[in-house]
Protein backbone atom coordinates (compact mmCIF):
# COMPACT_ATOMS: atom_id res chain seq x y z
CA MET A 1 -0.13 -0.28 -0.03
CA ILE A 2 3.13 1.78 0.05
CA PRO A 3 3.83 4.27 -1.94
CA THR A 4 0.16 5.27 -2.41
CA GLY A 5 -2.05 7.95 -4.19
CA LEU A 6 -5.64 9.11 -2.99
CA ARG A 7 -8.95 8.79 -4.52
CA HIS A 8 -12.42 10.30 -3.51
CA PRO A 9 -13.48 7.04 -1.49
CA SER A 10 -16.58 5.27 -3.06
CA LEU A 11 -18.21 1.66 -2.22
CA SER A 12 -18.14 1.20 -6.09
CA TYR A 13 -14.83 0.01 -6.10
CA ILE A 14 -15.23 -2.99 -3.55
CA GLN A 15 -14.93 -6.27 -5.53
CA ASP A 16 -15.77 -9.71 -4.04
CA ILE A 17 -13.67 -11.82 -6.85
CA TYR A 18 -12.48 -15.30 -5.06
CA ASN A 19 -8.97 -16.09 -5.65
CA ARG A 20 -8.03 -19.15 -3.96
CA SER A 21 -3.95 -18.44 -3.56
CA ASP A 22 -5.06 -14.77 -2.25
CA PHE A 23 -7.29 -16.13 -0.02
CA VAL A 24 -4.48 -18.78 1.24
CA ASN A 25 -2.13 -15.97 1.48
CA ASN A 26 -4.39 -13.85 3.94
CA LEU A 27 -5.01 -16.70 5.92
CA ILE A 28 -1.04 -17.22 6.62
CA LEU A 29 -0.97 -13.13 6.87
CA TYR A 30 -2.98 -13.17 9.80
CA ALA A 31 -2.17 -16.22 11.26
CA PRO A 32 0.79 -14.59 13.67
CA LEU A 33 -1.49 -12.13 15.09
CA GLY A 34 -4.12 -15.25 16.49
CA ILE A 35 -0.53 -17.02 17.86
CA ALA A 36 0.56 -13.84 19.32
CA LEU A 37 -3.19 -13.62 21.12
CA GLY A 38 -2.97 -17.43 21.90
CA GLY A 39 -2.57 -16.43 25.86
CA THR A 40 -6.32 -14.57 25.64
CA SER A 41 -9.66 -15.29 24.22
CA LEU A 42 -11.13 -16.86 20.79
CA MET A 43 -13.08 -13.55 21.14
CA ARG A 44 -10.54 -11.19 21.18
CA ALA A 45 -8.38 -12.73 18.68
CA PHE A 46 -11.61 -13.17 16.18
CA LEU A 47 -12.35 -9.46 17.03
CA PHE A 48 -8.45 -8.10 16.79
CA GLY A 49 -8.67 -9.60 13.47
CA LEU A 50 -11.77 -8.32 12.32
CA CYS A 51 -11.20 -4.50 13.53
CA LEU A 52 -7.87 -4.60 11.79
CA SER A 53 -8.95 -5.99 8.54
CA THR A 54 -11.70 -3.96 8.20
CA SER A 55 -9.94 -0.96 9.04
CA ALA A 56 -7.37 -1.81 6.01
CA GLU A 57 -10.20 -2.64 3.73
CA VAL A 58 -11.87 0.93 4.77
CA LEU A 59 -8.47 2.81 3.92
CA GLN A 60 -8.60 1.16 0.55
CA LEU A 61 -11.76 2.73 -0.81
CA GLY A 62 -9.54 5.92 -0.70
CA PHE A 63 -6.01 4.65 -2.02
CA VAL A 64 -5.60 4.49 -5.89
CA ASP A 65 -5.42 1.02 -7.27
CA ARG A 66 -6.51 -0.92 -4.10
CA ILE A 67 -9.56 -3.00 -4.65
CA PRO A 68 -11.46 -3.71 -0.91
CA SER A 69 -13.39 -6.73 -0.62
CA PHE A 70 -15.18 -8.67 2.28
CA LEU A 71 -13.38 -11.44 1.13
CA ASP A 72 -10.39 -10.00 2.66
CA ILE A 73 -11.80 -9.39 5.74
CA ALA A 74 -13.26 -12.64 6.06
CA SER A 75 -10.06 -14.38 5.27
CA ASN A 76 -7.78 -12.25 7.36
CA THR A 77 -10.31 -12.88 10.40
CA SER A 78 -10.14 -16.70 9.82
CA GLY A 79 -6.71 -16.20 9.90
CA ALA A 80 -6.40 -14.93 12.79
CA VAL A 81 -8.61 -17.56 14.17
CA ILE A 82 -6.60 -20.05 12.72
CA GLY A 83 -3.66 -18.87 14.45
CA TYR A 84 -5.14 -18.48 17.97
CA LEU A 85 -5.97 -22.13 17.50
CA ILE A 86 -3.04 -23.42 16.80
CA ALA A 87 -1.55 -21.39 19.63
CA ARG A 88 -3.68 -23.01 22.24
CA LEU A 89 -2.74 -26.51 20.88
CA LEU A 90 0.61 -25.38 21.49
CA LEU A 91 -0.05 -24.96 24.46
CA LEU A 92 -1.57 -28.23 25.79
CA THR A 93 1.71 -29.83 24.59
CA GLY A 94 3.56 -27.78 26.75
CA HIS A 95 4.96 -25.12 24.77
CA ASP A 96 4.39 -21.68 24.97
CA PRO A 97 4.20 -20.03 20.99
CA ARG A 98 5.15 -16.62 22.57
CA TRP A 99 8.18 -17.39 23.49
CA LEU A 100 10.75 -19.07 20.97
CA ARG A 101 14.29 -20.43 22.58
CA LEU A 102 16.86 -20.03 20.33
CA TYR A 103 20.47 -21.71 20.55
CA ARG A 104 23.36 -19.53 20.72
CA PRO A 105 25.29 -20.83 18.61
CA LEU A 106 22.98 -22.00 15.86
CA THR A 107 21.38 -18.04 16.07
CA VAL A 108 24.94 -16.61 15.52
CA ALA A 109 24.20 -18.68 11.97
CA ALA A 110 21.72 -15.95 11.11
CA ILE A 111 24.75 -13.26 10.62
CA PRO A 112 26.16 -15.22 7.31
CA MET A 113 22.64 -16.03 6.39
CA ALA A 114 21.52 -12.37 6.22
CA ILE A 115 24.71 -11.13 4.74
CA LEU A 116 24.30 -14.07 1.96
CA GLY A 117 20.87 -12.85 1.61
CA THR A 118 21.50 -9.19 1.40
CA VAL A 119 24.32 -10.09 -1.43
CA MET A 120 21.24 -11.75 -3.47
CA LEU A 121 19.08 -8.88 -3.53
CA LEU A 122 22.06 -6.84 -4.86
CA HIS A 123 20.74 -7.48 -7.97
CA HIS A 124 22.00 -6.10 -11.77
CA ARG A 125 19.80 -3.06 -13.13
CA PRO A 126 16.50 -5.07 -14.39
CA ALA A 127 15.62 -5.18 -18.10
CA SER A 128 13.25 -2.90 -19.22
CA ASP A 129 13.03 -4.23 -23.03
CA PHE A 130 10.04 -6.10 -23.96
CA SER A 131 10.95 -9.67 -24.18
CA ASN A 132 8.64 -11.14 -21.89
CA TRP A 133 5.67 -9.43 -24.15
CA SER A 134 3.04 -12.26 -25.18
CA PRO A 135 2.14 -12.79 -28.74
CA ALA A 136 -1.39 -13.89 -27.82
CA PHE A 137 -2.99 -11.07 -26.45
CA HIS A 138 -5.06 -8.77 -28.01
CA LEU A 139 -5.92 -4.93 -28.80
CA ALA A 140 -8.96 -3.91 -27.58
CA VAL A 141 -11.09 -0.49 -26.71
CA GLY A 142 -12.99 -1.29 -23.30
CA ASN A 143 -12.07 -4.32 -20.74
CA GLU A 144 -14.97 -6.86 -21.45
CA LEU A 145 -12.20 -8.95 -23.20
CA THR A 146 -10.88 -9.57 -19.79
CA GLY A 147 -13.44 -10.31 -17.99
CA ASP A 148 -13.43 -6.88 -15.73
CA ARG A 149 -15.75 -4.53 -15.19
CA PRO A 150 -16.57 -2.39 -18.64
CA TRP A 151 -14.97 1.23 -19.30
CA SER A 152 -17.67 4.08 -19.72
CA GLY A 153 -16.33 6.27 -21.80
CA THR A 154 -15.50 6.88 -25.82
CA VAL A 155 -12.49 6.57 -27.52
CA SER A 156 -12.83 8.49 -31.03
CA ASP A 157 -8.54 8.02 -32.16
CA LEU A 158 -6.18 5.63 -31.54
CA ALA A 159 -2.97 5.60 -32.89
CA ILE A 160 0.14 3.53 -31.57
CA TYR A 161 3.70 4.02 -33.03
CA PRO A 162 6.83 2.00 -32.70
CA PHE A 163 8.80 4.62 -31.10
CA ALA A 164 8.68 7.32 -28.51
CA MET A 165 7.80 10.63 -29.47
CA SER A 166 9.66 13.54 -28.16
CA PRO A 167 7.64 16.00 -25.80
CA ALA A 168 7.74 18.46 -28.93
CA GLN A 169 6.02 15.74 -30.86
CA VAL A 170 3.40 15.05 -28.11
CA SER A 171 2.96 19.06 -28.09
CA ASP A 172 2.84 19.10 -31.90
CA LEU A 173 -0.70 16.43 -31.51
CA THR A 174 -2.44 19.23 -30.15
CA GLY A 175 -1.38 21.92 -32.55
CA PRO A 176 -3.70 23.70 -34.56
CA SER A 177 -2.64 22.23 -37.62
CA THR A 178 -4.47 19.12 -37.52
CA GLY A 179 -5.70 16.29 -40.14
CA SER A 180 -8.95 14.98 -41.08
CA ASP A 181 -8.35 12.30 -38.23
CA GLY A 182 -8.01 14.94 -36.01
CA MET A 183 -4.29 14.18 -34.93
CA GLN A 184 -1.03 16.28 -36.22
CA LYS A 185 1.22 14.34 -38.54
CA THR A 186 3.58 16.78 -39.98
CA ALA A 187 5.93 15.84 -36.82
CA LEU A 188 6.06 12.31 -37.84
CA LYS A 189 7.98 11.76 -40.94
CA GLY A 190 9.91 9.22 -42.60
CA PRO A 191 8.68 5.59 -43.21
CA SER A 192 10.80 4.15 -39.95
CA GLU A 193 8.20 6.03 -37.72
CA ALA A 194 5.21 5.06 -39.81
CA ALA A 195 2.37 4.18 -37.27
CA ILE A 196 1.70 0.59 -36.47
CA VAL A 197 -2.05 1.33 -35.77
CA GLY A 198 -3.22 4.56 -37.42
CA PRO A 199 -5.77 6.77 -36.09
CA MET A 200 -8.85 4.89 -36.58
CA GLN A 201 -12.32 5.42 -37.37
CA SER A 202 -15.16 5.71 -34.99
CA ALA A 203 -16.62 2.65 -36.33
CA ALA A 204 -13.80 0.57 -35.50
CA LEU A 205 -13.54 2.10 -32.07
CA THR A 206 -16.96 1.10 -31.18
CA ARG A 207 -16.00 -2.69 -30.75
CA PHE A 208 -15.67 -2.64 -26.62
CA GLY A 209 -13.78 -5.51 -25.30
CA ARG A 210 -13.04 -7.49 -28.66
CA PRO A 211 -10.03 -7.16 -30.69
CA LEU A 212 -9.30 -4.23 -33.02
CA LEU A 213 -7.16 -6.02 -35.20
CA SER A 214 -7.23 -9.36 -37.24
CA LYS A 215 -4.93 -11.68 -36.02
CA GLN A 216 -1.85 -10.96 -38.67
CA GLU A 217 -2.46 -7.11 -37.87
CA GLU A 218 -1.99 -8.28 -34.10
CA LEU A 219 1.21 -10.30 -35.12
CA SER A 220 2.65 -7.52 -37.18
CA LEU A 221 2.12 -5.25 -33.73
CA TYR A 222 3.64 -7.40 -31.83
CA LYS A 223 6.61 -7.94 -33.99
CA GLY A 224 7.42 -3.90 -34.10
CA LEU A 225 6.75 -3.01 -31.04
CA VAL A 226 9.10 -6.05 -29.18
CA SER A 227 11.89 -5.53 -32.35
CA ARG A 228 12.27 -1.50 -30.72
CA SER A 229 11.01 -1.81 -27.25
CA GLN A 230 9.45 1.65 -27.84
CA LEU A 231 5.87 2.93 -28.04
CA THR A 232 3.77 5.75 -28.06
CA VAL A 233 0.03 4.79 -27.29
CA VAL A 234 -2.00 8.11 -28.75
CA VAL A 235 -5.80 8.31 -27.79
CA ARG A 236 -8.66 10.81 -27.41
CA MET A 237 -11.06 9.84 -25.06
CA ARG A 238 -13.69 10.94 -22.82
CA THR A 239 -15.14 9.18 -19.60
CA ASN A 240 -18.64 9.02 -18.67
CA ASN A 241 -18.04 8.35 -14.87
CA LEU A 242 -15.43 8.60 -12.26
CA GLU A 243 -16.34 5.93 -10.00
CA GLN A 244 -14.50 3.34 -12.15
CA SER A 245 -11.50 1.47 -10.90
CA GLY A 246 -10.45 -2.11 -11.69
CA PRO A 247 -8.45 -0.16 -13.40
CA ALA A 248 -11.23 0.13 -16.19
CA ARG A 249 -9.18 -0.32 -19.27
CA ILE A 250 -9.52 2.46 -21.77
CA VAL A 251 -7.67 0.91 -24.42
CA THR A 252 -5.79 -2.54 -23.17
CA TYR A 253 -3.38 -4.91 -25.01
CA SER A 254 -3.91 -8.15 -22.78
CA LEU A 255 -6.12 -11.47 -22.36
CA ASN A 256 -7.01 -11.47 -18.89
CA PRO A 257 -7.03 -9.60 -15.82
CA VAL A 258 -3.86 -10.23 -14.13
CA SER A 259 -1.42 -9.95 -17.34
CA ARG A 260 -1.29 -7.38 -20.29
CA ASN A 261 1.28 -6.27 -22.54
CA PHE A 262 0.26 -2.63 -21.75
CA THR A 263 -3.05 -0.96 -20.50
CA LEU A 264 -4.04 2.73 -20.50
CA GLY A 265 -6.63 2.84 -17.61
CA GLN A 266 -9.12 5.00 -15.30
CA ILE A 267 -9.28 4.47 -11.70
CA GLY A 268 -11.70 7.17 -10.38
CA ASN A 269 -10.54 10.70 -11.83
CA THR A 270 -7.05 9.30 -12.42
CA LEU A 271 -5.15 7.81 -15.30
CA THR A 272 -2.66 4.85 -15.09
CA PHE A 273 -0.29 3.50 -17.84
CA ARG A 274 1.01 -0.42 -16.89
CA LEU A 275 3.69 -1.49 -19.43
CA ARG A 276 4.92 -5.15 -19.06
CA THR A 277 8.74 -5.75 -18.94
CA PRO A 278 10.83 -7.99 -17.14
CA GLY A 279 11.57 -5.46 -14.40
CA SER A 280 7.54 -3.94 -14.02
CA GLY A 281 6.26 -7.80 -14.33
CA LEU A 282 3.53 -9.51 -15.69
CA ASN A 283 1.13 -7.05 -14.68
CA GLY A 284 3.26 -4.12 -15.58
CA ALA A 285 2.31 -2.75 -11.87
CA ASP A 286 5.63 -2.57 -9.96
CA PRO A 287 5.61 0.27 -10.86
CA ALA A 288 2.68 1.55 -12.54
CA LEU A 289 2.40 4.81 -13.57
CA TYR A 290 -0.18 7.22 -12.43
CA SER A 291 -1.49 10.76 -13.48
CA GLY A 292 -3.12 12.32 -10.36
CA PRO A 293 -6.31 13.07 -10.36
CA VAL A 294 -7.30 14.94 -14.13
CA LEU A 295 -10.45 13.74 -15.47
CA SER A 296 -13.54 15.30 -15.53
CA VAL A 297 -16.80 13.69 -17.01
CA GLY A 298 -18.14 15.15 -20.20
CA HIS A 299 -14.68 16.75 -21.42
CA THR A 300 -12.70 15.05 -24.34
CA TYR A 301 -8.69 14.57 -23.68
CA LEU A 302 -6.08 13.80 -25.93
CA VAL A 303 -3.69 11.35 -24.15
CA ALA A 304 -0.33 9.92 -24.86
CA ALA A 305 1.19 7.33 -23.46
CA VAL A 306 5.43 7.21 -23.95
CA TYR A 307 7.75 4.39 -23.56
CA ASP A 308 11.60 5.27 -24.76
CA GLY A 309 13.17 2.14 -23.57
CA ARG A 310 13.59 2.78 -19.81
CA ILE A 311 11.42 5.69 -19.17
CA SER A 312 7.45 5.80 -18.91
CA ARG A 313 5.40 9.53 -19.54
CA LEU A 314 1.90 10.21 -19.27
CA TYR A 315 0.73 13.32 -21.52
CA MET A 316 -2.72 15.21 -20.97
CA ASP A 317 -2.95 17.50 -24.29
CA GLY A 318 0.09 18.06 -24.81
CA LYS A 319 1.38 18.69 -21.01
CA LEU A 320 3.26 15.57 -19.06
CA LEU A 321 1.52 14.34 -15.84
CA ALA A 322 3.75 11.78 -14.66
CA GLU A 323 6.74 9.79 -15.30
CA VAL A 324 8.63 6.77 -13.74
CA ASP A 325 11.61 4.76 -14.59
CA LEU A 326 10.72 0.89 -15.29
CA GLY A 327 14.59 0.37 -15.32
CA ALA A 328 15.76 1.98 -12.12
CA GLN A 329 17.69 -0.29 -9.88
CA ARG A 330 15.91 -1.90 -6.86
CA PRO A 331 16.44 -5.54 -4.78
CA ARG A 332 15.21 -7.75 -6.57
CA LEU A 333 15.12 -11.73 -5.61
CA PRO A 334 17.48 -13.34 -8.62
CA ARG A 335 15.85 -15.52 -10.96
CA ARG A 336 17.52 -18.64 -9.58
CA GLY A 337 16.33 -17.92 -6.24
CA ARG A 338 12.60 -17.75 -7.27
CA HIS A 339 12.71 -21.19 -8.33
CA TRP A 340 12.78 -22.73 -4.65
CA LEU A 341 10.07 -20.57 -4.18
CA PRO A 342 6.42 -21.79 -4.65
CA GLY A 343 4.92 -20.17 -7.39
CA GLU A 344 1.84 -18.78 -5.97
CA LEU A 345 3.77 -17.05 -3.50
CA PRO A 346 3.67 -12.87 -4.23
CA ILE A 347 6.90 -12.74 -4.83
CA ARG A 348 7.08 -9.31 -6.43
CA GLU A 349 5.59 -7.90 -2.56
CA ILE A 350 7.96 -10.13 -1.21
CA GLU A 351 11.12 -8.86 -2.84
CA LEU A 352 10.29 -5.29 -2.28
CA GLY A 353 9.29 -5.27 1.38
CA GLY A 354 9.21 -8.29 2.91
CA ALA A 355 12.84 -9.57 1.82
CA GLU A 356 15.25 -6.69 3.24
CA ILE A 357 12.93 -6.76 6.75
CA LEU A 358 13.30 -10.43 7.19
CA LEU A 359 17.33 -9.95 6.35
CA SER A 360 17.47 -7.48 9.15
CA GLY A 361 15.55 -9.48 11.16
CA LEU A 362 18.00 -12.22 10.98
CA PHE A 363 21.10 -9.93 11.27
CA ALA A 364 19.83 -8.28 14.52
CA ILE A 365 19.01 -11.71 15.79
CA GLY A 366 22.57 -12.76 15.15
CA ILE A 367 23.87 -9.45 16.61
CA PHE A 368 22.29 -10.38 19.65
CA ALA A 369 23.36 -13.87 20.08
CA LEU A 370 26.68 -12.80 19.19
CA CYS A 371 26.93 -9.91 21.54
CA GLY A 372 24.41 -10.76 24.06
CA VAL A 373 21.38 -9.28 24.58
CA PRO A 374 21.75 -6.15 27.00
CA ASP A 375 19.55 -5.66 30.13
CA ARG A 376 19.24 -1.97 29.44
CA PRO A 377 16.16 -1.79 26.89
CA LEU A 378 17.43 1.50 25.66
CA SER A 379 20.68 -0.38 25.05
CA ARG A 380 18.74 -3.22 23.16
CA PHE A 381 17.06 -0.99 20.62
CA LEU A 382 20.00 0.99 19.99
CA LEU A 383 21.92 -2.27 18.93
CA GLY A 384 18.69 -3.31 16.97
CA GLY A 385 18.68 -0.34 14.93
CA VAL A 386 22.09 0.07 14.37
CA ALA A 387 22.00 -3.97 12.94
CA GLY A 388 18.80 -3.12 10.67
CA GLY A 389 20.20 0.39 9.70
CA VAL A 390 23.43 -1.70 8.42
CA ILE A 391 21.25 -3.91 6.06
CA GLY A 392 19.32 -1.01 4.74
CA ALA A 393 21.94 0.97 4.10
CA VAL A 394 23.58 -1.44 1.87
CA VAL A 395 20.99 -2.62 -0.16
CA TRP A 396 20.25 1.50 -0.04
CA PHE A 397 23.82 1.96 -1.52
CA PHE A 398 24.27 -0.89 -3.84
CA ALA A 399 20.79 -1.60 -5.15
CA VAL A 400 18.39 1.42 -5.43
CA SER A 401 18.66 4.40 -7.86
CA ASN A 402 15.34 5.86 -6.59
CA PRO A 403 16.17 7.99 -3.07
CA GLY A 404 12.62 7.45 -1.73
CA LEU A 405 12.57 4.21 -2.06
CA GLY A 406 16.04 3.92 -0.69
CA THR A 407 14.69 5.98 2.75
CA ARG A 408 11.55 3.72 2.96
CA ILE A 409 13.69 0.86 2.48
CA LEU A 410 15.93 2.00 5.36
CA LEU A 411 13.25 3.00 7.75
CA GLU A 412 11.55 -0.44 7.04
CA CYS A 413 14.98 -2.34 7.98
CA VAL A 414 15.68 0.16 11.51
CA ALA A 415 12.30 -0.48 12.18
CA ALA A 416 12.27 -4.49 12.03
CA GLY A 417 15.78 -4.27 14.40
CA TRP A 418 13.37 -2.66 16.89
CA LEU A 419 11.00 -4.77 16.51
CA ILE A 420 13.72 -7.90 17.43
CA SER A 421 14.51 -5.41 19.96
CA ALA A 422 11.25 -5.62 21.62
CA SER A 423 11.11 -9.54 21.09
CA VAL A 424 13.73 -10.36 23.04
CA GLU A 425 14.73 -10.49 26.68
CA SER A 426 17.78 -10.74 28.30
CA GLU A 427 18.65 -14.32 30.31
CA LYS A 428 17.84 -12.66 33.41
CA ALA A 429 14.60 -11.51 32.35
CA ALA A 430 14.16 -14.76 30.14
CA PRO A 431 11.26 -17.49 31.66
CA ARG A 432 12.29 -20.14 34.02
CA MET A 433 13.88 -22.98 32.08
CA PRO A 434 16.32 -26.26 32.67
CA ALA A 435 19.92 -24.89 33.57
CA ALA A 436 21.15 -26.53 30.47
CA VAL A 437 19.25 -24.78 27.86
CA GLN A 438 20.08 -21.36 29.86
CA GLN A 439 23.60 -21.53 28.73
CA HIS A 440 23.21 -21.59 25.44
CA SER A 441 19.53 -19.89 24.65
CA LEU A 442 18.96 -16.21 23.38
């Protein structure tokens, strides 16, 4: 949910579409909350899970590109209850799941594990070409083709070019010298810069949710764009509803709701452009490009989405709305490492947030095992914060191009170190245990 853009809250954003992997992930996500509440009551675990999950879903009503769902509330709450029941079963066996006894020689091994994992995150700059595009996808106006809610609006002109227009060329599209189709062509000269899909007639653009091109034309579109890994999508559009989400796909080159070569879509009164590259993922949403609040009902706009092989830009009526670097260096799990993980895991979310947090926690645990747990809480928090900060600083310095993302990672890593600091106890404060265990446990 971070970073996020804000939108006008609306109940129309709620979607209850069952997805098995998402449901299971939500169960696992909230199970630790139930385990932590294992010493209380089933009602308290249920209410904690219900209130926390409901709060998160209510917040998503006002967050761009989030999909609140009653199913998420149900699965999250169920996860908390399942975690509570697991904790109670463990208590019956004589083990308190709120205490984890870690043997010192084994725990010190967390330091090399954290270092090795951090080195794996320091991956090379991600590829930003179209090598992972699919030739089986279809170009369409509207999104009935993908099974999503249909976009409500009108597209009167559409053109796709196999090159990146310059800002001056985009500005010329809205100039006074226009052709019969409403678009300026004087700045687009030369056979190498011919449009793969030229300005289309209104009759063709009324085929909402159905492919606009024949199979041969789509193959030509695919080959032309993939060969250069650049494109410019120009569309003259007007929206009829500012309560659309999903995103509602204005122009899409896709086949299903979770995979696309590119999509120009609407979320509330904002525009989004999602482009599939090895770096941005199969959904083109990591990162996606958002315009901010720019749309109003009944107004016609000339929108241009431009990609030059590295930078994705979104224009409206010749003015730059937003841009994002799809080739920016970020911490990523290497491809070899992904093969060892289950395919249904939300890998792209894990590698952006969970990986460095997990590694910071491991490093902090190893430091405490090596140096001992200080009796003073302030000393513990200082040591844990430094341990997490070391991991965050290394990831930022060697694997992050964007200062904002680097700052976020550093803060997350320090917070992970503090969380470990709040979770560990010195041997004097630890619960009573056999003497042989006390000598080697943390």
